[in-house]
Every structure is written in C-alpha cells, then in structure tokens.
Amino acid sequence: MKPKHRGGYTREHTTLCERTLLTLLRGLGPWKKGLYLAGGLVPHFLFAETAYAGTTDVDLVLDLELLADIEAYRTLERNLRDLGFERGESDEGRAQHFRWTRAIAQRSTIVLDLMCDN
C-alpha cells in the first residue's frame, strides 16, 4: 500500500527498491535490454540533491517486441521466480500478471510493476 503523505516514505525502503533494481539488471540477462525505468524511482536517479520523498516499488516498462510470444513471457517469468519474486495478487486473490513481489530485509516487501510501452 502506498503512503498517503510524504512522511510515509522511508529512505530504507527507497534503498531496498534501488537494490532490487540492481538485482533485476544483473539477473534478467538479455531481458534487461528491453526494460526501462519509470515511476517513483526515476527522480532518485535524476535529482539526487533535491528533497525526494521516496518510493515503495519498482516500475519497469517492457519492450513488447521482446515478449512477442508466450514462451518469451514464460522465460521472463522463470527468471523473476529465480530471483525470488512471486506473482502479485489482487485484493480478491487473483494472480496479477503485471505485478510481482519479493520479500526482502526484515518485514519489507518490494513490489515490481511491469508496464507496457504502448
């Protein structure tokens, strides 16, 4: 769940998101060429000296040409599972194909949202 105000973001959680991004870039092999960072982690890298609220997730845009067939997506799915991610679930308990979670640190979970480029 996203914090309702700036004070709800912590430097620790943003650091965990940054580390998760690095893990993804190292562990996804050829997939990393088709990933583009979006969302709340972008200002952290663009404006390091400014007051930055933080983020609680990692948002990546996928190049759909790399996932043109179902087997390509299954390979990406296997890579994510190998990195310790689990498929996210909706409030109703249904699998979310675009959201993955990974429990890290003590009582912290990082959310990975995969988005399409169009």
Protein backbone atom coordinates (compact mmCIF):
# COMPACT_ATOMS: atom_id res chain seq x y z
CA MET A 1 0.00 0.00 0.00
CA LYS A 2 1.30 3.43 -0.95
CA PRO A 3 1.79 6.00 1.82
CA LYS A 4 -0.81 8.77 1.88
CA HIS A 5 1.74 11.52 2.52
CA ARG A 6 5.44 12.24 2.07
CA GLY A 7 6.28 11.27 5.66
CA GLY A 8 5.16 7.71 4.94
CA TYR A 9 8.13 7.06 2.65
CA THR A 10 11.40 5.95 4.22
CA ARG A 11 14.95 6.16 2.92
CA GLU A 12 15.37 2.49 3.81
CA HIS A 13 12.54 1.38 1.54
CA THR A 14 13.84 3.51 -1.34
CA THR A 15 17.27 1.94 -0.86
CA LEU A 16 15.67 -1.52 -0.97
CA CYS A 17 13.94 -0.57 -4.24
CA GLU A 18 17.25 0.61 -5.67
CA ARG A 19 18.93 -2.66 -4.68
CA THR A 20 16.05 -4.61 -6.20
CA LEU A 21 16.53 -2.73 -9.48
CA LEU A 22 20.22 -3.65 -9.47
CA THR A 23 19.33 -7.30 -8.77
CA LEU A 24 16.94 -7.26 -11.71
CA LEU A 25 19.50 -5.73 -14.05
CA ARG A 26 22.07 -8.35 -13.07
CA GLY A 27 19.69 -11.31 -13.07
CA LEU A 28 17.49 -10.82 -16.12
CA GLY A 29 20.19 -11.33 -18.72
CA PRO A 30 19.01 -10.39 -22.22
CA TRP A 31 15.70 -9.07 -20.87
CA LYS A 32 17.43 -6.04 -19.35
CA LYS A 33 17.91 -4.59 -22.83
CA GLY A 34 14.14 -4.22 -23.14
CA LEU A 35 13.48 -2.71 -19.69
CA TYR A 36 13.07 0.99 -18.98
CA LEU A 37 12.78 2.52 -15.54
CA ALA A 38 9.62 4.52 -14.84
CA GLY A 39 7.73 5.71 -11.79
CA GLY A 40 8.88 6.91 -8.41
CA LEU A 41 12.46 5.66 -8.56
CA VAL A 42 13.31 7.89 -11.56
CA PRO A 43 13.61 11.18 -9.60
CA HIS A 44 16.01 9.44 -7.19
CA PHE A 45 18.47 8.98 -10.06
CA LEU A 46 17.78 12.26 -11.87
CA PHE A 47 17.70 14.67 -8.95
CA ALA A 48 19.83 13.17 -6.19
CA GLU A 49 20.43 16.53 -4.48
CA THR A 50 16.79 17.58 -4.18
CA ALA A 51 14.30 16.69 -1.49
CA TYR A 52 12.94 13.36 -2.63
CA ALA A 53 10.01 11.70 -0.90
CA GLY A 54 10.93 8.16 -1.89
CA THR A 55 9.21 5.14 -3.37
CA THR A 56 7.86 1.78 -2.30
CA ASP A 57 8.06 -0.06 -5.62
CA VAL A 58 9.99 -0.53 -8.84
CA ASP A 59 8.17 0.31 -12.06
CA LEU A 60 9.61 -1.04 -15.32
CA VAL A 61 8.34 -0.57 -18.85
CA LEU A 62 8.76 -3.67 -21.04
CA ASP A 63 9.55 -3.57 -24.73
CA LEU A 64 6.71 -5.70 -26.11
CA GLU A 65 8.73 -6.78 -29.13
CA LEU A 66 10.88 -8.86 -26.78
CA LEU A 67 7.78 -10.60 -25.45
CA ALA A 68 6.15 -11.27 -28.80
CA ASP A 69 5.25 -14.86 -27.97
CA ILE A 70 4.04 -16.69 -24.87
CA GLU A 71 7.30 -18.63 -24.47
CA ALA A 72 9.25 -15.38 -24.18
CA TYR A 73 6.97 -14.28 -21.33
CA ARG A 74 7.34 -17.67 -19.64
CA THR A 75 11.12 -17.28 -19.76
CA LEU A 76 10.84 -13.84 -18.16
CA GLU A 77 8.51 -15.33 -15.55
CA ARG A 78 11.06 -18.09 -14.75
CA ASN A 79 13.83 -15.51 -14.42
CA LEU A 80 11.75 -13.46 -11.99
CA ARG A 81 10.96 -16.55 -9.91
CA ASP A 82 14.66 -17.49 -9.89
CA LEU A 83 15.38 -14.04 -8.45
CA GLY A 84 12.94 -14.68 -5.60
CA PHE A 85 9.86 -12.87 -6.94
CA GLU A 86 6.32 -14.18 -6.61
CA ARG A 87 3.33 -13.20 -8.69
CA GLY A 88 1.26 -10.48 -7.07
CA GLU A 89 -2.37 -10.98 -6.15
CA SER A 90 -5.37 -8.68 -6.30
CA ASP A 91 -7.46 -7.98 -3.22
CA GLU A 92 -9.73 -10.82 -4.43
CA GLY A 93 -6.79 -13.26 -4.51
CA ARG A 94 -6.46 -13.42 -8.30
CA ALA A 95 -2.99 -13.57 -9.90
CA GLN A 96 -1.72 -10.32 -11.37
CA HIS A 97 0.47 -10.89 -14.40
CA PHE A 98 1.97 -7.39 -14.27
CA ARG A 99 2.81 -7.30 -10.55
CA TRP A 100 5.49 -9.28 -8.75
CA THR A 101 6.59 -9.12 -5.12
CA ARG A 102 9.76 -10.05 -3.30
CA ALA A 103 10.16 -10.26 0.45
CA ILE A 104 13.48 -8.75 1.50
CA ALA A 105 15.11 -7.41 4.65
CA GLN A 106 13.09 -7.65 7.83
CA ARG A 107 9.36 -7.35 7.21
CA SER A 108 9.82 -5.49 3.91
CA THR A 109 8.32 -6.43 0.59
CA ILE A 110 9.24 -4.83 -2.70
CA VAL A 111 6.62 -4.58 -5.43
CA LEU A 112 7.69 -4.79 -9.06
CA ASP A 113 5.18 -3.45 -11.58
CA LEU A 114 5.73 -4.35 -15.24
CA MET A 115 4.17 -1.97 -17.72
CA CYS A 116 3.81 -1.99 -21.50
CA ASP A 117 5.29 0.65 -23.77
CA ASN A 118 2.00 1.22 -25.58
